[in-house]
């Protein structure tokens, strides 16, 4: 049996975090790999990553995602990391008594039987009838966030940094609201998340990690993990004493196999995900906004954001997120093909 293997140049293109700062060439690379084989073995020419399978075919991704018994999360790091990053996570988690290649033991890194048991605890809470209770608040937050974006763009002469204005605070606020974390604690949660998952990207970690030794970085991340644990242990005790309608109450009072579960974990990769390697990608240019005089303030927040901002990539139909080990493309529809054929869209 012949195994499709990426060339050294292709492997470097997949592994280099700087590739993910410029989407079009990277997506062209995934197109090239997909045409040769939907499943490709990637081996690092520098030896800094363990070999892995890159899955780029739609049918193959769907088959793997539905085969929970054959394809597990836990044995390897769920997010894309190098050998140093995995060793780092194992070192920290071993000190906590449960060695794992994943720094945070969130739901997405667990397998059966633990995963379905934990998932069922909050499944009812996320049913439509319950989500309608918070829909108005989330819509109001979306509109408020869009207004903040509009104001920042006007003050910035048409340019605004989308990450600190929208993509970092908005989803974090929603998740924290669901968990039951007070709004005044959200900056703390954001800062700790960035310390844990910012790698050496100065825009994310906010700690000057690029100039620190591995031991110093370990101390910072270990401190952030401990702070997370302490915070949510405190929140657990509060919810057990005074239950509310939030998810933290469900997790704090739940039982699995007759035993209470541990304190609910933090937001995991809500605001930023681990970078594929230790070298940070090139800083993204500010998101350019256009046609702002034509935008009606009555539009829903999400539509205003969509009309206001175009990201650095114009083609997002295929290709993985920065921290993914696989590529889960959507089918190339006629509409997608027409978009690609437009001038200036690659």
C-alpha atoms as a PDB file:
ATOM      1  CA  UNK A   1       0.000   0.000   0.000  1.00  0.00           C
ATOM      2  CA  UNK A   2       1.393   3.361  -1.048  1.00  0.00           C
ATOM      3  CA  UNK A   3       1.114   6.101   1.553  1.00  0.00           C
ATOM      4  CA  UNK A   4       0.640   9.649   0.311  1.00  0.00           C
ATOM      5  CA  UNK A   5       3.358  11.707   1.992  1.00  0.00           C
ATOM      6  CA  UNK A   6       3.784  15.480   1.882  1.00  0.00           C
ATOM      7  CA  UNK A   7       7.020  16.741   0.378  1.00  0.00           C
ATOM      8  CA  UNK A   8       9.391  18.583   2.745  1.00  0.00           C
ATOM      9  CA  UNK A   9       8.299  21.879   1.205  1.00  0.00           C
ATOM     10  CA  UNK A  10       4.611  21.009   1.636  1.00  0.00           C
ATOM     11  CA  UNK A  11       5.233  19.863   5.206  1.00  0.00           C
ATOM     12  CA  UNK A  12       6.919  23.150   6.057  1.00  0.00           C
ATOM     13  CA  UNK A  13       3.988  25.015   4.556  1.00  0.00           C
ATOM     14  CA  UNK A  14       1.576  23.120   6.796  1.00  0.00           C
ATOM     15  CA  UNK A  15       3.725  23.371   9.937  1.00  0.00           C
ATOM     16  CA  UNK A  16       4.950  26.950   9.737  1.00  0.00           C
ATOM     17  CA  UNK A  17       2.630  29.170  11.809  1.00  0.00           C
ATOM     18  CA  UNK A  18       3.452  32.090   9.534  1.00  0.00           C
ATOM     19  CA  UNK A  19       1.579  30.248   6.766  1.00  0.00           C
ATOM     20  CA  UNK A  20      -1.652  30.821   8.660  1.00  0.00           C
ATOM     21  CA  UNK A  21      -1.203  34.583   8.583  1.00  0.00           C
ATOM     22  CA  UNK A  22      -1.701  34.522   4.791  1.00  0.00           C
ATOM     23  CA  UNK A  23      -4.655  32.334   3.938  1.00  0.00           C
ATOM     24  CA  UNK A  24      -4.745  32.153   0.146  1.00  0.00           C
ATOM     25  CA  UNK A  25      -1.352  30.459  -0.409  1.00  0.00           C
ATOM     26  CA  UNK A  26      -2.118  28.058   2.446  1.00  0.00           C
ATOM     27  CA  UNK A  27      -5.508  27.142   1.014  1.00  0.00           C
ATOM     28  CA  UNK A  28      -3.890  26.605  -2.370  1.00  0.00           C
ATOM     29  CA  UNK A  29      -1.516  24.178  -0.625  1.00  0.00           C
ATOM     30  CA  UNK A  30      -4.451  22.279   0.878  1.00  0.00           C
ATOM     31  CA  UNK A  31      -6.096  22.165  -2.556  1.00  0.00           C
ATOM     32  CA  UNK A  32      -2.884  20.697  -3.961  1.00  0.00           C
ATOM     33  CA  UNK A  33      -2.653  18.065  -1.227  1.00  0.00           C
ATOM     34  CA  UNK A  34      -6.331  17.193  -1.534  1.00  0.00           C
ATOM     35  CA  UNK A  35      -6.074  16.630  -5.278  1.00  0.00           C
ATOM     36  CA  UNK A  36      -3.228  14.165  -4.710  1.00  0.00           C
ATOM     37  CA  UNK A  37      -4.860  12.357  -1.774  1.00  0.00           C
ATOM     38  CA  UNK A  38      -7.539  13.187   0.819  1.00  0.00           C
ATOM     39  CA  UNK A  39      -5.301  11.758   3.550  1.00  0.00           C
ATOM     40  CA  UNK A  40      -1.639  12.733   3.656  1.00  0.00           C
ATOM     41  CA  UNK A  41       1.164  11.823   6.035  1.00  0.00           C
ATOM     42  CA  UNK A  42       3.042  14.930   7.181  1.00  0.00           C
ATOM     43  CA  UNK A  43       6.560  14.509   8.586  1.00  0.00           C
ATOM     44  CA  UNK A  44       8.485  17.499   9.887  1.00  0.00           C
ATOM     45  CA  UNK A  45      11.729  18.091   7.945  1.00  0.00           C
ATOM     46  CA  UNK A  46      13.213  19.617  11.124  1.00  0.00           C
ATOM     47  CA  UNK A  47      11.961  16.912  13.479  1.00  0.00           C
ATOM     48  CA  UNK A  48      10.195  19.376  15.788  1.00  0.00           C
ATOM     49  CA  UNK A  49       6.752  17.785  15.248  1.00  0.00           C
ATOM     50  CA  UNK A  50       5.671  14.179  15.522  1.00  0.00           C
ATOM     51  CA  UNK A  51       4.344  12.758  12.225  1.00  0.00           C
ATOM     52  CA  UNK A  52       0.588  13.157  11.742  1.00  0.00           C
ATOM     53  CA  UNK A  53      -2.121  12.542   9.181  1.00  0.00           C
ATOM     54  CA  UNK A  54      -3.528  15.598   7.456  1.00  0.00           C
ATOM     55  CA  UNK A  55      -7.121  14.928   6.386  1.00  0.00           C
ATOM     56  CA  UNK A  56      -8.329  17.265   3.647  1.00  0.00           C
ATOM     57  CA  UNK A  57     -11.202  15.371   1.995  1.00  0.00           C
ATOM     58  CA  UNK A  58     -14.763  16.196   3.007  1.00  0.00           C
ATOM     59  CA  UNK A  59     -16.003  12.591   3.049  1.00  0.00           C
ATOM     60  CA  UNK A  60     -12.954  11.435   4.987  1.00  0.00           C
ATOM     61  CA  UNK A  61     -13.332  14.192   7.584  1.00  0.00           C
ATOM     62  CA  UNK A  62     -17.016  13.335   8.058  1.00  0.00           C
ATOM     63  CA  UNK A  63     -16.258   9.629   8.417  1.00  0.00           C
ATOM     64  CA  UNK A  64     -13.521  10.250  10.988  1.00  0.00           C
ATOM     65  CA  UNK A  65     -15.598  12.724  12.969  1.00  0.00           C
ATOM     66  CA  UNK A  66     -18.378  10.140  13.341  1.00  0.00           C
ATOM     67  CA  UNK A  67     -16.112   7.230  14.316  1.00  0.00           C
ATOM     68  CA  UNK A  68     -15.505   7.974  17.973  1.00  0.00           C
ATOM     69  CA  UNK A  69     -14.270   4.479  18.709  1.00  0.00           C
ATOM     70  CA  UNK A  70     -11.662   4.375  15.952  1.00  0.00           C
ATOM     71  CA  UNK A  71     -10.383   7.957  16.239  1.00  0.00           C
ATOM     72  CA  UNK A  72      -9.675   9.187  19.757  1.00  0.00           C
ATOM     73  CA  UNK A  73      -8.894  12.637  21.134  1.00  0.00           C
ATOM     74  CA  UNK A  74      -6.919  11.905  24.268  1.00  0.00           C
ATOM     75  CA  UNK A  75      -3.756  10.051  23.147  1.00  0.00           C
ATOM     76  CA  UNK A  76      -2.357  13.072  21.313  1.00  0.00           C
ATOM     77  CA  UNK A  77      -2.760  16.808  21.700  1.00  0.00           C
ATOM     78  CA  UNK A  78      -6.126  17.867  20.286  1.00  0.00           C
ATOM     79  CA  UNK A  79      -4.759  21.173  19.060  1.00  0.00           C
ATOM     80  CA  UNK A  80      -1.857  21.492  16.651  1.00  0.00           C
ATOM     81  CA  UNK A  81       1.348  21.659  18.674  1.00  0.00           C
ATOM     82  CA  UNK A  82       5.016  20.741  18.370  1.00  0.00           C
ATOM     83  CA  UNK A  83       7.024  18.348  20.528  1.00  0.00           C
ATOM     84  CA  UNK A  84       8.089  21.113  22.893  1.00  0.00           C
ATOM     85  CA  UNK A  85       4.493  22.274  23.355  1.00  0.00           C
ATOM     86  CA  UNK A  86       3.231  18.767  24.096  1.00  0.00           C
ATOM     87  CA  UNK A  87       6.083  18.103  26.533  1.00  0.00           C
ATOM     88  CA  UNK A  88       5.266  21.415  28.189  1.00  0.00           C
ATOM     89  CA  UNK A  89       1.595  20.444  28.624  1.00  0.00           C
ATOM     90  CA  UNK A  90       2.533  17.009  29.969  1.00  0.00           C
ATOM     91  CA  UNK A  91       4.947  18.562  32.454  1.00  0.00           C
ATOM     92  CA  UNK A  92       2.308  20.913  33.842  1.00  0.00           C
ATOM     93  CA  UNK A  93      -0.505  18.348  33.961  1.00  0.00           C
ATOM     94  CA  UNK A  94       1.776  15.726  35.525  1.00  0.00           C
ATOM     95  CA  UNK A  95       2.469  18.178  38.346  1.00  0.00           C
ATOM     96  CA  UNK A  96      -1.301  18.290  38.868  1.00  0.00           C
ATOM     97  CA  UNK A  97      -1.467  14.506  39.145  1.00  0.00           C
ATOM     98  CA  UNK A  98      -3.025  13.664  35.757  1.00  0.00           C
ATOM     99  CA  UNK A  99      -0.534  13.802  32.881  1.00  0.00           C
ATOM    100  CA  UNK A 100      -2.065  14.802  29.560  1.00  0.00           C
ATOM    101  CA  UNK A 101      -0.876  16.181  26.207  1.00  0.00           C
ATOM    102  CA  UNK A 102      -3.624  18.799  26.566  1.00  0.00           C
ATOM    103  CA  UNK A 103      -3.044  21.726  28.884  1.00  0.00           C
ATOM    104  CA  UNK A 104      -6.762  22.097  29.658  1.00  0.00           C
ATOM    105  CA  UNK A 105      -8.978  19.057  30.122  1.00  0.00           C
ATOM    106  CA  UNK A 106     -11.992  20.533  28.351  1.00  0.00           C
ATOM    107  CA  UNK A 107     -14.833  18.561  26.805  1.00  0.00           C
ATOM    108  CA  UNK A 108     -13.324  18.525  23.305  1.00  0.00           C
ATOM    109  CA  UNK A 109     -10.240  16.576  24.434  1.00  0.00           C
ATOM    110  CA  UNK A 110     -12.149  13.797  26.219  1.00  0.00           C
ATOM    111  CA  UNK A 111     -13.286  10.436  24.879  1.00  0.00           C
ATOM    112  CA  UNK A 112     -16.003   7.987  25.869  1.00  0.00           C
ATOM    113  CA  UNK A 113     -17.180   7.066  28.413  1.00  0.00           C
ATOM    114  CA  UNK A 114     -16.350  10.354  30.171  1.00  0.00           C
ATOM    115  CA  UNK A 115     -17.195  12.659  27.258  1.00  0.00           C
ATOM    116  CA  UNK A 116     -20.861  11.632  26.786  1.00  0.00           C
ATOM    117  CA  UNK A 117     -21.472  11.587  30.540  1.00  0.00           C
ATOM    118  CA  UNK A 118     -20.241  15.160  30.895  1.00  0.00           C
ATOM    119  CA  UNK A 119     -21.973  16.310  27.735  1.00  0.00           C
ATOM    120  CA  UNK A 120     -25.345  15.035  28.929  1.00  0.00           C
ATOM    121  CA  UNK A 121     -25.094  17.168  32.072  1.00  0.00           C
ATOM    122  CA  UNK A 122     -25.618  20.423  30.173  1.00  0.00           C
ATOM    123  CA  UNK A 123     -27.392  19.133  27.070  1.00  0.00           C
ATOM    124  CA  UNK A 124     -30.843  20.212  28.240  1.00  0.00           C
ATOM    125  CA  UNK A 125     -29.596  23.671  29.202  1.00  0.00           C
ATOM    126  CA  UNK A 126     -28.609  24.353  25.591  1.00  0.00           C
ATOM    127  CA  UNK A 127     -31.970  23.376  24.137  1.00  0.00           C
ATOM    128  CA  UNK A 128     -33.726  26.166  22.165  1.00  0.00           C
ATOM    129  CA  UNK A 129     -36.312  26.842  24.873  1.00  0.00           C
ATOM    130  CA  UNK A 130     -33.549  27.713  27.342  1.00  0.00           C
ATOM    131  CA  UNK A 131     -31.420  29.633  24.862  1.00  0.00           C
ATOM    132  CA  UNK A 132     -34.382  31.885  24.151  1.00  0.00           C
ATOM    133  CA  UNK A 133     -34.072  33.128  27.723  1.00  0.00           C
ATOM    134  CA  UNK A 134     -30.659  34.661  26.986  1.00  0.00           C
ATOM    135  CA  UNK A 135     -31.168  35.492  23.302  1.00  0.00           C
ATOM    136  CA  UNK A 136     -32.192  39.085  23.971  1.00  0.00           C
ATOM    137  CA  UNK A 137     -29.114  39.714  26.113  1.00  0.00           C
ATOM    138  CA  UNK A 138     -26.785  38.226  23.519  1.00  0.00           C
ATOM    139  CA  UNK A 139     -28.403  40.242  20.712  1.00  0.00           C
ATOM    140  CA  UNK A 140     -28.008  43.390  22.774  1.00  0.00           C
ATOM    141  CA  UNK A 141     -24.362  42.554  23.367  1.00  0.00           C
ATOM    142  CA  UNK A 142     -23.861  41.941  19.613  1.00  0.00           C
ATOM    143  CA  UNK A 143     -25.357  45.336  18.795  1.00  0.00           C
ATOM    144  CA  UNK A 144     -23.243  47.012  21.475  1.00  0.00           C
ATOM    145  CA  UNK A 145     -20.125  45.301  20.116  1.00  0.00           C
ATOM    146  CA  UNK A 146     -20.968  46.378  16.554  1.00  0.00           C
ATOM    147  CA  UNK A 147     -21.447  49.958  17.714  1.00  0.00           C
ATOM    148  CA  UNK A 148     -18.056  49.820  19.425  1.00  0.00           C
ATOM    149  CA  UNK A 149     -16.544  48.568  16.164  1.00  0.00           C
ATOM    150  CA  UNK A 150     -18.156  51.368  14.173  1.00  0.00           C
ATOM    151  CA  UNK A 151     -16.900  53.984  16.629  1.00  0.00           C
ATOM    152  CA  UNK A 152     -13.377  52.554  16.624  1.00  0.00           C
ATOM    153  CA  UNK A 153     -13.311  52.506  12.817  1.00  0.00           C
ATOM    154  CA  UNK A 154     -14.406  56.137  12.606  1.00  0.00           C
ATOM    155  CA  UNK A 155     -11.759  57.150  15.130  1.00  0.00           C
ATOM    156  CA  UNK A 156      -9.167  55.060  13.285  1.00  0.00           C
ATOM    157  CA  UNK A 157      -9.834  56.648   9.896  1.00  0.00           C
ATOM    158  CA  UNK A 158     -11.502  53.524   8.491  1.00  0.00           C
ATOM    159  CA  UNK A 159      -9.189  50.911  10.016  1.00  0.00           C
ATOM    160  CA  UNK A 160      -9.737  48.956  13.222  1.00  0.00           C
ATOM    161  CA  UNK A 161      -8.107  46.009  14.946  1.00  0.00           C
ATOM    162  CA  UNK A 162     -10.896  43.422  14.927  1.00  0.00           C
ATOM    163  CA  UNK A 163      -9.400  41.094  17.552  1.00  0.00           C
ATOM    164  CA  UNK A 164      -9.407  43.296  20.685  1.00  0.00           C
ATOM    165  CA  UNK A 165     -12.543  45.105  19.539  1.00  0.00           C
ATOM    166  CA  UNK A 166     -14.770  42.150  18.643  1.00  0.00           C
ATOM    167  CA  UNK A 167     -13.388  38.631  18.334  1.00  0.00           C
ATOM    168  CA  UNK A 168     -11.730  38.470  21.768  1.00  0.00           C
ATOM    169  CA  UNK A 169     -14.241  40.187  24.086  1.00  0.00           C
ATOM    170  CA  UNK A 170     -17.556  39.243  22.430  1.00  0.00           C
ATOM    171  CA  UNK A 171     -17.384  35.408  22.531  1.00  0.00           C
ATOM    172  CA  UNK A 172     -15.713  35.524  25.936  1.00  0.00           C
ATOM    173  CA  UNK A 173     -18.570  37.650  27.306  1.00  0.00           C
ATOM    174  CA  UNK A 174     -21.148  35.204  25.924  1.00  0.00           C
ATOM    175  CA  UNK A 175     -19.379  32.158  27.393  1.00  0.00           C
ATOM    176  CA  UNK A 176     -18.852  33.862  30.734  1.00  0.00           C
ATOM    177  CA  UNK A 177     -22.521  34.850  30.842  1.00  0.00           C
ATOM    178  CA  UNK A 178     -23.535  31.235  30.201  1.00  0.00           C
ATOM    179  CA  UNK A 179     -21.153  29.983  32.885  1.00  0.00           C
ATOM    180  CA  UNK A 180     -22.275  32.586  35.364  1.00  0.00           C
ATOM    181  CA  UNK A 181     -19.017  34.493  35.707  1.00  0.00           C
ATOM    182  CA  UNK A 182     -19.654  38.115  36.781  1.00  0.00           C
ATOM    183  CA  UNK A 183     -18.934  40.708  34.106  1.00  0.00           C
ATOM    184  CA  UNK A 184     -16.352  42.420  36.308  1.00  0.00           C
ATOM    185  CA  UNK A 185     -14.279  39.206  36.300  1.00  0.00           C
ATOM    186  CA  UNK A 186     -14.159  38.895  32.507  1.00  0.00           C
ATOM    187  CA  UNK A 187     -10.920  40.901  32.063  1.00  0.00           C
ATOM    188  CA  UNK A 188      -9.241  38.503  34.472  1.00  0.00           C
ATOM    189  CA  UNK A 189     -10.519  35.505  32.515  1.00  0.00           C
ATOM    190  CA  UNK A 190      -9.355  37.012  29.227  1.00  0.00           C
ATOM    191  CA  UNK A 191      -5.893  37.758  30.617  1.00  0.00           C
ATOM    192  CA  UNK A 192      -5.456  34.261  32.058  1.00  0.00           C
ATOM    193  CA  UNK A 193      -6.641  32.632  28.827  1.00  0.00           C
ATOM    194  CA  UNK A 194      -4.154  34.683  26.839  1.00  0.00           C
ATOM    195  CA  UNK A 195      -1.337  33.735  29.198  1.00  0.00           C
ATOM    196  CA  UNK A 196      -2.169  30.067  28.904  1.00  0.00           C
ATOM    197  CA  UNK A 197      -2.696  29.919  25.157  1.00  0.00           C
ATOM    198  CA  UNK A 198      -0.831  32.886  23.712  1.00  0.00           C
ATOM    199  CA  UNK A 199       2.421  31.047  23.119  1.00  0.00           C
ATOM    200  CA  UNK A 200       5.095  33.542  22.141  1.00  0.00           C
ATOM    201  CA  UNK A 201       2.685  35.809  20.283  1.00  0.00           C
ATOM    202  CA  UNK A 202       3.060  39.166  21.995  1.00  0.00           C
ATOM    203  CA  UNK A 203      -0.407  40.262  20.864  1.00  0.00           C
ATOM    204  CA  UNK A 204      -1.932  37.331  22.742  1.00  0.00           C
ATOM    205  CA  UNK A 205       0.100  36.456  25.812  1.00  0.00           C
ATOM    206  CA  UNK A 206       0.567  40.028  27.128  1.00  0.00           C
ATOM    207  CA  UNK A 207       3.486  38.804  29.225  1.00  0.00           C
ATOM    208  CA  UNK A 208       6.637  39.366  27.169  1.00  0.00           C
ATOM    209  CA  UNK A 209       7.062  35.607  26.764  1.00  0.00           C
ATOM    210  CA  UNK A 210       9.059  35.931  23.563  1.00  0.00           C
ATOM    211  CA  UNK A 211      12.051  37.030  25.633  1.00  0.00           C
ATOM    212  CA  UNK A 212      11.636  34.534  28.474  1.00  0.00           C
ATOM    213  CA  UNK A 213      13.318  31.198  29.085  1.00  0.00           C
ATOM    214  CA  UNK A 214      11.262  27.977  28.985  1.00  0.00           C
ATOM    215  CA  UNK A 215      11.420  27.797  32.791  1.00  0.00           C
ATOM    216  CA  UNK A 216      10.062  31.329  33.117  1.00  0.00           C
ATOM    217  CA  UNK A 217       7.274  30.595  30.636  1.00  0.00           C
ATOM    218  CA  UNK A 218       6.448  27.455  32.600  1.00  0.00           C
ATOM    219  CA  UNK A 219       6.077  29.476  35.783  1.00  0.00           C
ATOM    220  CA  UNK A 220       3.720  31.959  34.085  1.00  0.00           C
ATOM    221  CA  UNK A 221       1.528  29.295  32.511  1.00  0.00           C
ATOM    222  CA  UNK A 222       1.498  27.167  35.655  1.00  0.00           C
ATOM    223  CA  UNK A 223       0.448  30.233  37.631  1.00  0.00           C
ATOM    224  CA  UNK A 224      -2.353  30.959  35.147  1.00  0.00           C
ATOM    225  CA  UNK A 225      -3.610  27.362  35.369  1.00  0.00           C
ATOM    226  CA  UNK A 226      -3.545  27.519  39.177  1.00  0.00           C
ATOM    227  CA  UNK A 227      -5.405  30.841  39.119  1.00  0.00           C
ATOM    228  CA  UNK A 228      -8.067  29.354  36.849  1.00  0.00           C
ATOM    229  CA  UNK A 229      -8.487  26.375  39.156  1.00  0.00           C
ATOM    230  CA  UNK A 230      -8.735  28.545  42.250  1.00  0.00           C
ATOM    231  CA  UNK A 231     -11.287  30.848  40.628  1.00  0.00           C
ATOM    232  CA  UNK A 232     -13.621  28.103  39.454  1.00  0.00           C
ATOM    233  CA  UNK A 233     -13.268  26.154  42.679  1.00  0.00           C
ATOM    234  CA  UNK A 234     -14.507  29.289  44.437  1.00  0.00           C
ATOM    235  CA  UNK A 235     -17.340  29.677  41.931  1.00  0.00           C
ATOM    236  CA  UNK A 236     -18.283  26.034  42.493  1.00  0.00           C
ATOM    237  CA  UNK A 237     -18.587  26.542  46.226  1.00  0.00           C
ATOM    238  CA  UNK A 238     -20.728  29.653  45.698  1.00  0.00           C
ATOM    239  CA  UNK A 239     -23.115  27.843  43.354  1.00  0.00           C
ATOM    240  CA  UNK A 240     -23.443  24.863  45.680  1.00  0.00           C
ATOM    241  CA  UNK A 241     -24.365  27.222  48.483  1.00  0.00           C
ATOM    242  CA  UNK A 242     -26.576  29.488  46.350  1.00  0.00           C
ATOM    243  CA  UNK A 243     -27.750  27.760  43.134  1.00  0.00           C
ATOM    244  CA  UNK A 244     -28.787  29.879  40.137  1.00  0.00           C
ATOM    245  CA  UNK A 245     -29.918  29.084  36.589  1.00  0.00           C
ATOM    246  CA  UNK A 246     -26.448  29.192  34.981  1.00  0.00           C
ATOM    247  CA  UNK A 247     -24.273  26.349  33.723  1.00  0.00           C
ATOM    248  CA  UNK A 248     -21.862  26.714  36.640  1.00  0.00           C
ATOM    249  CA  UNK A 249     -24.695  25.654  38.969  1.00  0.00           C
ATOM    250  CA  UNK A 250     -25.390  22.559  36.871  1.00  0.00           C
ATOM    251  CA  UNK A 251     -21.734  21.533  36.910  1.00  0.00           C
ATOM    252  CA  UNK A 252     -21.270  22.374  40.565  1.00  0.00           C
ATOM    253  CA  UNK A 253     -24.192  20.253  41.717  1.00  0.00           C
ATOM    254  CA  UNK A 254     -23.984  17.414  39.176  1.00  0.00           C
ATOM    255  CA  UNK A 255     -23.154  13.810  39.982  1.00  0.00           C
ATOM    256  CA  UNK A 256     -21.521  11.224  37.716  1.00  0.00           C
ATOM    257  CA  UNK A 257     -21.565   7.597  38.832  1.00  0.00           C
ATOM    258  CA  UNK A 258     -22.602   8.769  42.266  1.00  0.00           C
ATOM    259  CA  UNK A 259     -19.701  11.175  42.668  1.00  0.00           C
ATOM    260  CA  UNK A 260     -19.606  14.989  42.308  1.00  0.00           C
ATOM    261  CA  UNK A 261     -17.574  16.179  39.354  1.00  0.00           C
ATOM    262  CA  UNK A 262     -14.619  18.518  39.736  1.00  0.00           C
ATOM    263  CA  UNK A 263     -14.919  22.288  39.529  1.00  0.00           C
ATOM    264  CA  UNK A 264     -15.980  23.554  36.094  1.00  0.00           C
ATOM    265  CA  UNK A 265     -13.022  24.528  33.974  1.00  0.00           C
ATOM    266  CA  UNK A 266     -12.375  27.910  32.438  1.00  0.00           C
ATOM    267  CA  UNK A 267     -13.151  29.051  28.919  1.00  0.00           C
ATOM    268  CA  UNK A 268     -10.395  26.904  27.447  1.00  0.00           C
ATOM    269  CA  UNK A 269      -9.615  28.235  23.954  1.00  0.00           C
ATOM    270  CA  UNK A 270     -12.335  30.813  23.868  1.00  0.00           C
ATOM    271  CA  UNK A 271     -10.218  33.873  23.221  1.00  0.00           C
ATOM    272  CA  UNK A 272      -7.132  32.393  21.629  1.00  0.00           C
ATOM    273  CA  UNK A 273      -5.817  28.983  20.695  1.00  0.00           C
ATOM    274  CA  UNK A 274      -2.322  27.526  21.059  1.00  0.00           C
ATOM    275  CA  UNK A 275      -0.121  28.378  18.136  1.00  0.00           C
ATOM    276  CA  UNK A 276       1.199  25.483  16.044  1.00  0.00           C
ATOM    277  CA  UNK A 277       4.811  26.238  16.962  1.00  0.00           C
ATOM    278  CA  UNK A 278       6.864  28.549  19.129  1.00  0.00           C
ATOM    279  CA  UNK A 279       7.472  31.137  16.422  1.00  0.00           C
ATOM    280  CA  UNK A 280       4.542  33.572  16.252  1.00  0.00           C
ATOM    281  CA  UNK A 281       2.902  34.327  12.930  1.00  0.00           C
ATOM    282  CA  UNK A 282       3.400  37.718  11.376  1.00  0.00           C
ATOM    283  CA  UNK A 283       1.132  40.381  12.918  1.00  0.00           C
ATOM    284  CA  UNK A 284      -2.120  40.652  11.038  1.00  0.00           C
ATOM    285  CA  UNK A 285      -2.825  43.957   9.366  1.00  0.00           C
ATOM    286  CA  UNK A 286      -5.731  45.978  10.775  1.00  0.00           C
ATOM    287  CA  UNK A 287      -9.054  44.912   9.350  1.00  0.00           C
ATOM    288  CA  UNK A 288     -10.192  47.420   6.774  1.00  0.00           C
ATOM    289  CA  UNK A 289     -13.802  48.595   6.883  1.00  0.00           C
ATOM    290  CA  UNK A 290     -15.730  50.149   4.080  1.00  0.00           C
ATOM    291  CA  UNK A 291     -19.099  51.644   3.097  1.00  0.00           C
ATOM    292  CA  UNK A 292     -19.731  52.790   6.654  1.00  0.00           C
ATOM    293  CA  UNK A 293     -21.883  55.779   5.676  1.00  0.00           C
ATOM    294  CA  UNK A 294     -24.424  53.374   4.147  1.00  0.00           C
ATOM    295  CA  UNK A 295     -24.857  51.129   7.166  1.00  0.00           C
ATOM    296  CA  UNK A 296     -28.197  51.530   8.931  1.00  0.00           C
ATOM    297  CA  UNK A 297     -27.943  51.492  12.706  1.00  0.00           C
ATOM    298  CA  UNK A 298     -31.124  49.428  12.870  1.00  0.00           C
ATOM    299  CA  UNK A 299     -29.450  46.331  11.435  1.00  0.00           C
ATOM    300  CA  UNK A 300     -28.779  43.430  13.850  1.00  0.00           C
ATOM    301  CA  UNK A 301     -25.288  43.446  15.327  1.00  0.00           C
ATOM    302  CA  UNK A 302     -24.065  40.445  13.374  1.00  0.00           C
ATOM    303  CA  UNK A 303     -25.145  41.937  10.040  1.00  0.00           C
ATOM    304  CA  UNK A 304     -23.534  45.249  10.853  1.00  0.00           C
ATOM    305  CA  UNK A 305     -20.263  43.527  11.649  1.00  0.00           C
ATOM    306  CA  UNK A 306     -20.460  41.494   8.437  1.00  0.00           C
ATOM    307  CA  UNK A 307     -21.138  44.620   6.393  1.00  0.00           C
ATOM    308  CA  UNK A 308     -18.444  46.590   8.101  1.00  0.00           C
ATOM    309  CA  UNK A 309     -15.528  44.243   8.138  1.00  0.00           C
ATOM    310  CA  UNK A 310     -13.726  42.008   5.782  1.00  0.00           C
ATOM    311  CA  UNK A 311     -10.960  39.928   7.249  1.00  0.00           C
ATOM    312  CA  UNK A 312      -7.518  39.349   5.873  1.00  0.00           C
ATOM    313  CA  UNK A 313      -8.827  36.308   3.948  1.00  0.00           C
ATOM    314  CA  UNK A 314     -11.494  36.464   1.268  1.00  0.00           C
ATOM    315  CA  UNK A 315     -11.710  32.711   0.857  1.00  0.00           C
ATOM    316  CA  UNK A 316     -12.667  30.677   3.911  1.00  0.00           C
ATOM    317  CA  UNK A 317     -14.576  27.808   2.327  1.00  0.00           C
ATOM    318  CA  UNK A 318     -11.785  25.301   2.930  1.00  0.00           C
ATOM    319  CA  UNK A 319      -8.761  24.875   5.121  1.00  0.00           C
ATOM    320  CA  UNK A 320      -8.271  24.397   8.859  1.00  0.00           C
ATOM    321  CA  UNK A 321      -8.264  26.937  11.663  1.00  0.00           C
ATOM    322  CA  UNK A 322      -4.819  27.884  12.921  1.00  0.00           C
ATOM    323  CA  UNK A 323      -4.836  25.342  15.715  1.00  0.00           C
ATOM    324  CA  UNK A 324      -6.381  22.407  13.834  1.00  0.00           C
ATOM    325  CA  UNK A 325      -4.627  19.181  12.885  1.00  0.00           C
ATOM    326  CA  UNK A 326      -7.020  18.484  10.049  1.00  0.00           C
ATOM    327  CA  UNK A 327      -8.697  20.313   7.227  1.00  0.00           C
ATOM    328  CA  UNK A 328     -12.468  19.986   7.128  1.00  0.00           C
ATOM    329  CA  UNK A 329     -13.531  21.602   3.851  1.00  0.00           C
ATOM    330  CA  UNK A 330     -17.044  22.340   2.799  1.00  0.00           C
ATOM    331  CA  UNK A 331     -18.141  21.020  -0.524  1.00  0.00           C
ATOM    332  CA  UNK A 332     -17.240  23.314  -3.411  1.00  0.00           C
ATOM    333  CA  UNK A 333     -20.625  24.532  -4.536  1.00  0.00           C
ATOM    334  CA  UNK A 334     -21.361  26.529  -7.655  1.00  0.00           C
ATOM    335  CA  UNK A 335     -21.751  29.582  -5.463  1.00  0.00           C
ATOM    336  CA  UNK A 336     -18.287  28.976  -4.004  1.00  0.00           C
ATOM    337  CA  UNK A 337     -16.808  28.545  -7.482  1.00  0.00           C
ATOM    338  CA  UNK A 338     -18.458  31.754  -8.657  1.00  0.00           C
ATOM    339  CA  UNK A 339     -17.004  33.617  -5.702  1.00  0.00           C
ATOM    340  CA  UNK A 340     -13.519  32.307  -6.504  1.00  0.00           C
ATOM    341  CA  UNK A 341     -13.854  33.434 -10.094  1.00  0.00           C
ATOM    342  CA  UNK A 342     -14.564  37.031  -9.095  1.00  0.00           C
ATOM    343  CA  UNK A 343     -11.695  39.472  -9.686  1.00  0.00           C
ATOM    344  CA  UNK A 344      -9.460  39.845  -6.691  1.00  0.00           C
ATOM    345  CA  UNK A 345     -10.644  36.674  -4.917  1.00  0.00           C
ATOM    346  CA  UNK A 346      -7.769  34.415  -5.911  1.00  0.00           C
END
